């Protein structure tokens, strides 16, 4: 199969879609619901552990998937320059977006660790 029929922006749109969905999931979990009231409601229904692990797996699993897609796109970009013209800017934008998301997720994990160490 000839790999020349793949649209250059198609791979990048997937990375942006995954990172955007992660941001919306995180905002919905922490922002709109209010984590304390949502956790209290889930704990009363005995769903706190299941939903907590589900959100954890969704955030980290999709982040790892987006990182894999990004690096796959970088490896595919090693073709001759005529087949991937104009994708350098898009790749850099996706790389910065993915890096910012990973830093935000890491910061959130460190914040949760600090809260756990203080006994909250």
C-alpha atoms as a PDB file:
ATOM      1  CA  UNK A   1       0.000   0.000   0.000  1.00  0.00           C
ATOM      2  CA  UNK A   2       1.320   3.406  -0.943  1.00  0.00           C
ATOM      3  CA  UNK A   3       1.599   5.723   2.080  1.00  0.00           C
ATOM      4  CA  UNK A   4       1.329   8.826  -0.093  1.00  0.00           C
ATOM      5  CA  UNK A   5      -2.477   8.861   0.084  1.00  0.00           C
ATOM      6  CA  UNK A   6      -2.564   9.807   3.799  1.00  0.00           C
ATOM      7  CA  UNK A   7      -3.536  13.409   4.376  1.00  0.00           C
ATOM      8  CA  UNK A   8      -0.821  15.251   6.328  1.00  0.00           C
ATOM      9  CA  UNK A   9      -3.204  17.001   8.736  1.00  0.00           C
ATOM     10  CA  UNK A  10      -5.249  13.902   9.557  1.00  0.00           C
ATOM     11  CA  UNK A  11      -2.755  12.533  12.090  1.00  0.00           C
ATOM     12  CA  UNK A  12      -2.413  15.905  13.774  1.00  0.00           C
ATOM     13  CA  UNK A  13      -6.157  16.365  14.112  1.00  0.00           C
ATOM     14  CA  UNK A  14      -6.299  13.173  16.176  1.00  0.00           C
ATOM     15  CA  UNK A  15      -3.701  14.468  18.636  1.00  0.00           C
ATOM     16  CA  UNK A  16      -5.553  17.776  19.025  1.00  0.00           C
ATOM     17  CA  UNK A  17      -8.869  15.970  19.459  1.00  0.00           C
ATOM     18  CA  UNK A  18      -7.493  13.711  22.202  1.00  0.00           C
ATOM     19  CA  UNK A  19      -5.835  16.575  24.092  1.00  0.00           C
ATOM     20  CA  UNK A  20      -8.988  18.691  23.760  1.00  0.00           C
ATOM     21  CA  UNK A  21     -11.151  15.851  25.072  1.00  0.00           C
ATOM     22  CA  UNK A  22      -8.775  15.409  28.013  1.00  0.00           C
ATOM     23  CA  UNK A  23      -8.991  19.094  28.853  1.00  0.00           C
ATOM     24  CA  UNK A  24     -12.795  19.007  28.720  1.00  0.00           C
ATOM     25  CA  UNK A  25     -12.886  15.891  30.901  1.00  0.00           C
ATOM     26  CA  UNK A  26     -10.590  17.491  33.445  1.00  0.00           C
ATOM     27  CA  UNK A  27     -12.588  20.722  33.486  1.00  0.00           C
ATOM     28  CA  UNK A  28     -15.838  18.806  33.887  1.00  0.00           C
ATOM     29  CA  UNK A  29     -14.422  16.728  36.733  1.00  0.00           C
ATOM     30  CA  UNK A  30     -12.804  19.574  38.677  1.00  0.00           C
ATOM     31  CA  UNK A  31     -14.534  22.711  37.509  1.00  0.00           C
ATOM     32  CA  UNK A  32     -18.222  22.278  36.847  1.00  0.00           C
ATOM     33  CA  UNK A  33     -19.054  19.509  39.298  1.00  0.00           C
ATOM     34  CA  UNK A  34     -16.933  20.677  42.162  1.00  0.00           C
ATOM     35  CA  UNK A  35     -14.716  17.823  43.220  1.00  0.00           C
ATOM     36  CA  UNK A  36     -15.896  17.740  46.842  1.00  0.00           C
ATOM     37  CA  UNK A  37     -19.607  17.509  46.099  1.00  0.00           C
ATOM     38  CA  UNK A  38     -19.064  15.050  43.243  1.00  0.00           C
ATOM     39  CA  UNK A  39     -16.850  12.817  45.369  1.00  0.00           C
ATOM     40  CA  UNK A  40     -19.328  12.903  48.254  1.00  0.00           C
ATOM     41  CA  UNK A  41     -22.187  11.910  45.964  1.00  0.00           C
ATOM     42  CA  UNK A  42     -20.157   9.113  44.385  1.00  0.00           C
ATOM     43  CA  UNK A  43     -19.004   7.858  47.774  1.00  0.00           C
ATOM     44  CA  UNK A  44     -22.609   7.618  49.004  1.00  0.00           C
ATOM     45  CA  UNK A  45     -23.475   5.538  45.928  1.00  0.00           C
ATOM     46  CA  UNK A  46     -20.345   3.354  46.409  1.00  0.00           C
ATOM     47  CA  UNK A  47     -19.024   4.428  43.007  1.00  0.00           C
ATOM     48  CA  UNK A  48     -16.117   6.639  44.075  1.00  0.00           C
ATOM     49  CA  UNK A  49     -13.402   4.061  43.421  1.00  0.00           C
ATOM     50  CA  UNK A  50     -14.824   2.918  40.084  1.00  0.00           C
ATOM     51  CA  UNK A  51     -15.328   6.417  38.700  1.00  0.00           C
ATOM     52  CA  UNK A  52     -12.001   7.614  40.100  1.00  0.00           C
ATOM     53  CA  UNK A  53     -10.110   4.786  38.393  1.00  0.00           C
ATOM     54  CA  UNK A  54     -12.102   5.336  35.214  1.00  0.00           C
ATOM     55  CA  UNK A  55     -11.148   9.021  35.048  1.00  0.00           C
ATOM     56  CA  UNK A  56      -7.545   8.133  35.899  1.00  0.00           C
ATOM     57  CA  UNK A  57      -7.352   5.521  33.143  1.00  0.00           C
ATOM     58  CA  UNK A  58      -9.106   7.787  30.633  1.00  0.00           C
ATOM     59  CA  UNK A  59      -6.753  10.722  31.265  1.00  0.00           C
ATOM     60  CA  UNK A  60      -3.499   8.793  31.364  1.00  0.00           C
ATOM     61  CA  UNK A  61      -4.421   6.193  28.751  1.00  0.00           C
ATOM     62  CA  UNK A  62      -5.516   8.771  26.208  1.00  0.00           C
ATOM     63  CA  UNK A  63      -2.454  10.902  26.974  1.00  0.00           C
ATOM     64  CA  UNK A  64      -0.166   7.954  26.273  1.00  0.00           C
ATOM     65  CA  UNK A  65      -2.158   7.225  23.116  1.00  0.00           C
ATOM     66  CA  UNK A  66      -1.773  10.851  21.955  1.00  0.00           C
ATOM     67  CA  UNK A  67       1.971  10.716  22.633  1.00  0.00           C
ATOM     68  CA  UNK A  68       2.180   7.533  20.574  1.00  0.00           C
ATOM     69  CA  UNK A  69       0.250   9.122  17.708  1.00  0.00           C
ATOM     70  CA  UNK A  70       2.480  12.183  17.829  1.00  0.00           C
ATOM     71  CA  UNK A  71       5.688  10.158  17.619  1.00  0.00           C
ATOM     72  CA  UNK A  72       4.190   7.952  14.910  1.00  0.00           C
ATOM     73  CA  UNK A  73       3.497  11.114  12.924  1.00  0.00           C
ATOM     74  CA  UNK A  74       7.091  12.225  13.450  1.00  0.00           C
ATOM     75  CA  UNK A  75       8.386   8.915  12.146  1.00  0.00           C
ATOM     76  CA  UNK A  76       6.114   9.094   9.107  1.00  0.00           C
ATOM     77  CA  UNK A  77       7.393  12.587   8.437  1.00  0.00           C
ATOM     78  CA  UNK A  78      10.831  11.202   7.642  1.00  0.00           C
ATOM     79  CA  UNK A  79       9.645  10.738   4.047  1.00  0.00           C
ATOM     80  CA  UNK A  80      10.943  12.958   1.249  1.00  0.00           C
ATOM     81  CA  UNK A  81      10.210  16.664   1.844  1.00  0.00           C
ATOM     82  CA  UNK A  82       7.911  16.932  -1.184  1.00  0.00           C
ATOM     83  CA  UNK A  83       5.318  14.593   0.405  1.00  0.00           C
ATOM     84  CA  UNK A  84       5.172  16.351   3.762  1.00  0.00           C
ATOM     85  CA  UNK A  85       5.504  20.015   2.814  1.00  0.00           C
ATOM     86  CA  UNK A  86       3.785  22.416   5.197  1.00  0.00           C
ATOM     87  CA  UNK A  87       3.539  20.014   8.128  1.00  0.00           C
ATOM     88  CA  UNK A  88       6.484  21.372  10.133  1.00  0.00           C
ATOM     89  CA  UNK A  89       4.418  24.205  11.636  1.00  0.00           C
ATOM     90  CA  UNK A  90       1.521  21.871  12.403  1.00  0.00           C
ATOM     91  CA  UNK A  91       3.862  19.345  14.012  1.00  0.00           C
ATOM     92  CA  UNK A  92       5.465  22.013  16.176  1.00  0.00           C
ATOM     93  CA  UNK A  93       2.046  23.307  17.258  1.00  0.00           C
ATOM     94  CA  UNK A  94       0.920  19.789  18.185  1.00  0.00           C
ATOM     95  CA  UNK A  95       4.171  19.163  20.030  1.00  0.00           C
ATOM     96  CA  UNK A  96       3.774  22.323  22.094  1.00  0.00           C
ATOM     97  CA  UNK A  97       0.123  21.507  22.817  1.00  0.00           C
ATOM     98  CA  UNK A  98       0.988  17.966  23.881  1.00  0.00           C
ATOM     99  CA  UNK A  99       3.902  19.159  26.011  1.00  0.00           C
ATOM    100  CA  UNK A 100       1.703  21.743  27.732  1.00  0.00           C
ATOM    101  CA  UNK A 101      -0.925  19.070  28.450  1.00  0.00           C
ATOM    102  CA  UNK A 102       1.684  16.675  29.863  1.00  0.00           C
ATOM    103  CA  UNK A 103       3.113  19.427  32.082  1.00  0.00           C
ATOM    104  CA  UNK A 104      -0.384  20.332  33.319  1.00  0.00           C
ATOM    105  CA  UNK A 105      -1.139  16.684  34.066  1.00  0.00           C
ATOM    106  CA  UNK A 106       2.186  16.288  35.882  1.00  0.00           C
ATOM    107  CA  UNK A 107       1.505  19.429  37.911  1.00  0.00           C
ATOM    108  CA  UNK A 108      -1.921  18.105  38.840  1.00  0.00           C
ATOM    109  CA  UNK A 109      -0.382  14.818  39.970  1.00  0.00           C
ATOM    110  CA  UNK A 110       2.164  16.648  42.102  1.00  0.00           C
ATOM    111  CA  UNK A 111      -0.640  18.746  43.606  1.00  0.00           C
ATOM    112  CA  UNK A 112      -2.559  15.570  44.472  1.00  0.00           C
ATOM    113  CA  UNK A 113       0.595  14.095  46.006  1.00  0.00           C
ATOM    114  CA  UNK A 114       1.094  17.167  48.169  1.00  0.00           C
ATOM    115  CA  UNK A 115      -2.531  17.036  49.299  1.00  0.00           C
ATOM    116  CA  UNK A 116      -2.118  13.369  50.156  1.00  0.00           C
ATOM    117  CA  UNK A 117       1.047  14.024  52.131  1.00  0.00           C
ATOM    118  CA  UNK A 118      -0.738  16.704  54.159  1.00  0.00           C
ATOM    119  CA  UNK A 119      -3.542  14.309  55.050  1.00  0.00           C
ATOM    120  CA  UNK A 120      -6.431  15.630  52.961  1.00  0.00           C
END
